Structure formats: C-alpha cells, structure tokens
N, C-alpha and C. Protein backbone atom coordinates (compact mmCIF):
# COMPACT_ATOMS: atom_id res chain seq x y z
N MET A 1 59.95 24.92 34.11
CA MET A 1 58.87 24.49 33.24
C MET A 1 59.11 23.01 32.90
N SER A 2 58.06 22.22 33.05
CA SER A 2 58.18 20.79 32.77
C SER A 2 58.14 20.52 31.27
N ILE A 3 58.48 19.31 30.91
CA ILE A 3 58.47 18.91 29.49
C ILE A 3 57.06 19.02 28.93
N GLY A 4 56.06 18.60 29.70
CA GLY A 4 54.67 18.70 29.25
C GLY A 4 54.25 20.13 29.01
N GLU A 5 54.64 21.01 29.91
CA GLU A 5 54.33 22.43 29.75
C GLU A 5 55.03 23.02 28.53
N GLU A 6 56.25 22.58 28.30
CA GLU A 6 56.99 23.07 27.13
C GLU A 6 56.33 22.62 25.84
N LEU A 7 55.86 21.36 25.82
CA LEU A 7 55.17 20.85 24.63
C LEU A 7 53.88 21.62 24.38
N LEU A 8 53.12 21.88 25.44
CA LEU A 8 51.88 22.64 25.29
C LEU A 8 52.16 24.05 24.78
N GLU A 9 53.19 24.68 25.33
CA GLU A 9 53.54 26.03 24.89
C GLU A 9 53.98 26.03 23.43
N GLU A 10 54.73 25.02 23.02
CA GLU A 10 55.15 24.92 21.62
C GLU A 10 53.94 24.75 20.71
N ARG A 11 52.97 23.94 21.11
CA ARG A 11 51.74 23.76 20.32
C ARG A 11 50.98 25.07 20.21
N ARG A 12 50.87 25.79 21.33
CA ARG A 12 50.18 27.09 21.30
C ARG A 12 50.89 28.06 20.37
N ARG A 13 52.20 28.08 20.43
CA ARG A 13 52.98 28.99 19.59
C ARG A 13 52.76 28.68 18.11
N ARG A 14 52.78 27.37 17.78
CA ARG A 14 52.55 26.97 16.38
C ARG A 14 51.14 27.31 15.93
N ARG A 15 50.17 27.12 16.84
CA ARG A 15 48.78 27.42 16.50
C ARG A 15 48.62 28.91 16.21
N ARG A 16 49.23 29.75 17.03
CA ARG A 16 49.14 31.19 16.83
C ARG A 16 49.84 31.62 15.54
N ALA A 17 50.91 30.92 15.18
CA ALA A 17 51.66 31.25 13.98
C ALA A 17 51.04 30.67 12.72
N GLY A 18 50.08 29.78 12.87
CA GLY A 18 49.50 29.09 11.72
C GLY A 18 50.15 27.73 11.59
N ASP A 19 49.36 26.74 11.29
CA ASP A 19 49.87 25.39 11.20
C ASP A 19 50.65 25.21 9.90
N PRO A 20 51.95 24.97 9.97
CA PRO A 20 52.75 24.84 8.75
C PRO A 20 52.44 23.58 7.94
N ARG A 21 51.70 22.64 8.54
CA ARG A 21 51.37 21.42 7.81
C ARG A 21 50.25 21.67 6.80
N LEU A 22 49.56 22.79 6.92
CA LEU A 22 48.48 23.12 6.01
C LEU A 22 49.06 23.88 4.82
N SER A 23 48.91 23.33 3.64
CA SER A 23 49.46 23.97 2.46
C SER A 23 48.66 25.20 2.08
N GLU A 24 49.20 26.01 1.20
CA GLU A 24 48.48 27.19 0.71
C GLU A 24 47.18 26.77 0.02
N ALA A 25 47.22 25.66 -0.72
CA ALA A 25 46.00 25.18 -1.38
C ALA A 25 44.96 24.77 -0.34
N GLY A 26 45.39 24.14 0.74
CA GLY A 26 44.48 23.77 1.82
C GLY A 26 43.88 24.99 2.49
N LYS A 27 44.71 26.01 2.74
CA LYS A 27 44.21 27.24 3.34
C LYS A 27 43.18 27.90 2.44
N GLU A 28 43.44 27.91 1.14
CA GLU A 28 42.50 28.50 0.19
C GLU A 28 41.18 27.74 0.18
N LEU A 29 41.23 26.43 0.27
CA LEU A 29 40.01 25.63 0.32
C LEU A 29 39.20 25.96 1.57
N PHE A 30 39.85 26.09 2.72
CA PHE A 30 39.15 26.47 3.94
C PHE A 30 38.53 27.85 3.82
N ARG A 31 39.24 28.79 3.21
CA ARG A 31 38.68 30.13 3.00
C ARG A 31 37.44 30.06 2.13
N ARG A 32 37.49 29.27 1.08
CA ARG A 32 36.33 29.13 0.18
C ARG A 32 35.16 28.48 0.89
N MET A 33 35.43 27.50 1.77
CA MET A 33 34.35 26.81 2.48
C MET A 33 33.68 27.71 3.51
N THR A 34 34.43 28.61 4.11
CA THR A 34 33.88 29.39 5.20
C THR A 34 33.40 30.78 4.78
N THR A 35 33.96 31.34 3.72
CA THR A 35 33.57 32.70 3.34
C THR A 35 33.36 32.87 1.84
N GLY A 36 33.70 31.89 1.05
CA GLY A 36 33.65 32.06 -0.40
C GLY A 36 32.54 31.28 -1.06
N ASP A 37 32.82 30.83 -2.28
CA ASP A 37 31.81 30.19 -3.11
C ASP A 37 31.36 28.82 -2.62
N LEU A 38 32.08 28.22 -1.71
CA LEU A 38 31.68 26.91 -1.17
C LEU A 38 30.97 27.02 0.17
N ALA A 39 30.74 28.24 0.65
CA ALA A 39 30.16 28.45 1.98
C ALA A 39 28.78 27.80 2.09
N GLY A 40 27.95 27.94 1.06
CA GLY A 40 26.60 27.35 1.11
C GLY A 40 26.64 25.85 1.21
N GLU A 41 27.49 25.21 0.41
CA GLU A 41 27.62 23.75 0.45
C GLU A 41 28.18 23.29 1.80
N PHE A 42 29.13 24.03 2.32
CA PHE A 42 29.73 23.69 3.61
C PHE A 42 28.68 23.79 4.72
N GLN A 43 27.88 24.87 4.70
CA GLN A 43 26.86 25.03 5.72
C GLN A 43 25.80 23.94 5.61
N ALA A 44 25.44 23.57 4.39
CA ALA A 44 24.45 22.49 4.19
C ALA A 44 24.98 21.18 4.76
N ALA A 45 26.26 20.91 4.57
CA ALA A 45 26.86 19.69 5.12
C ALA A 45 26.86 19.72 6.64
N LEU A 46 27.18 20.87 7.22
CA LEU A 46 27.15 21.00 8.69
C LEU A 46 25.73 20.80 9.22
N ASP A 47 24.76 21.39 8.53
CA ASP A 47 23.36 21.23 8.95
C ASP A 47 22.93 19.77 8.88
N ALA A 48 23.35 19.07 7.83
CA ALA A 48 22.98 17.66 7.67
C ALA A 48 23.57 16.81 8.80
N VAL A 49 24.80 17.09 9.16
CA VAL A 49 25.43 16.35 10.27
C VAL A 49 24.71 16.66 11.58
N SER A 50 24.39 17.93 11.80
CA SER A 50 23.68 18.32 13.02
C SER A 50 22.31 17.66 13.11
N ASP A 51 21.61 17.58 11.97
CA ASP A 51 20.29 16.94 11.95
C ASP A 51 20.39 15.44 12.20
N ALA A 52 21.46 14.82 11.70
CA ALA A 52 21.62 13.37 11.82
C ALA A 52 22.12 12.94 13.19
N ASP A 53 22.81 13.81 13.90
CA ASP A 53 23.40 13.45 15.19
C ASP A 53 22.85 14.37 16.27
N PRO A 54 21.97 13.87 17.13
CA PRO A 54 21.36 14.71 18.15
C PRO A 54 22.35 15.36 19.10
N LEU A 55 23.46 14.71 19.37
CA LEU A 55 24.45 15.30 20.27
C LEU A 55 25.11 16.52 19.65
N LEU A 56 25.40 16.44 18.36
CA LEU A 56 25.99 17.58 17.67
C LEU A 56 24.97 18.67 17.37
N GLY A 57 23.72 18.26 17.19
CA GLY A 57 22.67 19.21 16.85
C GLY A 57 22.13 19.99 18.03
N GLY A 58 22.59 19.69 19.23
CA GLY A 58 22.17 20.42 20.41
C GLY A 58 20.84 19.99 20.97
N SER A 59 20.40 18.81 20.64
CA SER A 59 19.13 18.29 21.15
C SER A 59 19.26 17.96 22.62
N ASP A 60 18.19 18.19 23.35
CA ASP A 60 18.18 17.87 24.79
C ASP A 60 17.66 16.48 25.07
N ASP A 61 17.49 15.66 24.07
CA ASP A 61 16.95 14.30 24.22
C ASP A 61 18.03 13.35 24.70
N ASP A 62 18.22 13.26 26.00
CA ASP A 62 19.25 12.37 26.55
C ASP A 62 18.65 11.09 27.04
C-alpha cells in the first residue's frame, strides 16, 4: 500500500468514526440545523443560495 493510499484510508477511517475536530457543541448545532429548531432557517438559507447561484440551484442555463 502506497503512502497516498494509506492517507486516504486513514481519512476514511476517521470519517467513519466521526471527525474528532468537531466539538460536542458543534455536533449539537448541526443536529439542530438539520433536524431540530433551526431546520427551517437552515433550509431557507440553502434555498436562498440555490436561488442566487444557478449552478447550485440546478438550472440548465449554461
């Protein structure tokens, strides 16, 4: 296994185990944004970005 393959495997392993750089407070904020009381605000922000950027919004206007 090459060094590059080892690095990729290490990244995959960390991803599967959860990123240790994300604090418990950060994890809780993500949970609130995606499934909790902040979900509506988070979705509105995503919609605004999609509307403002045709590439992100899936527009076929190339």
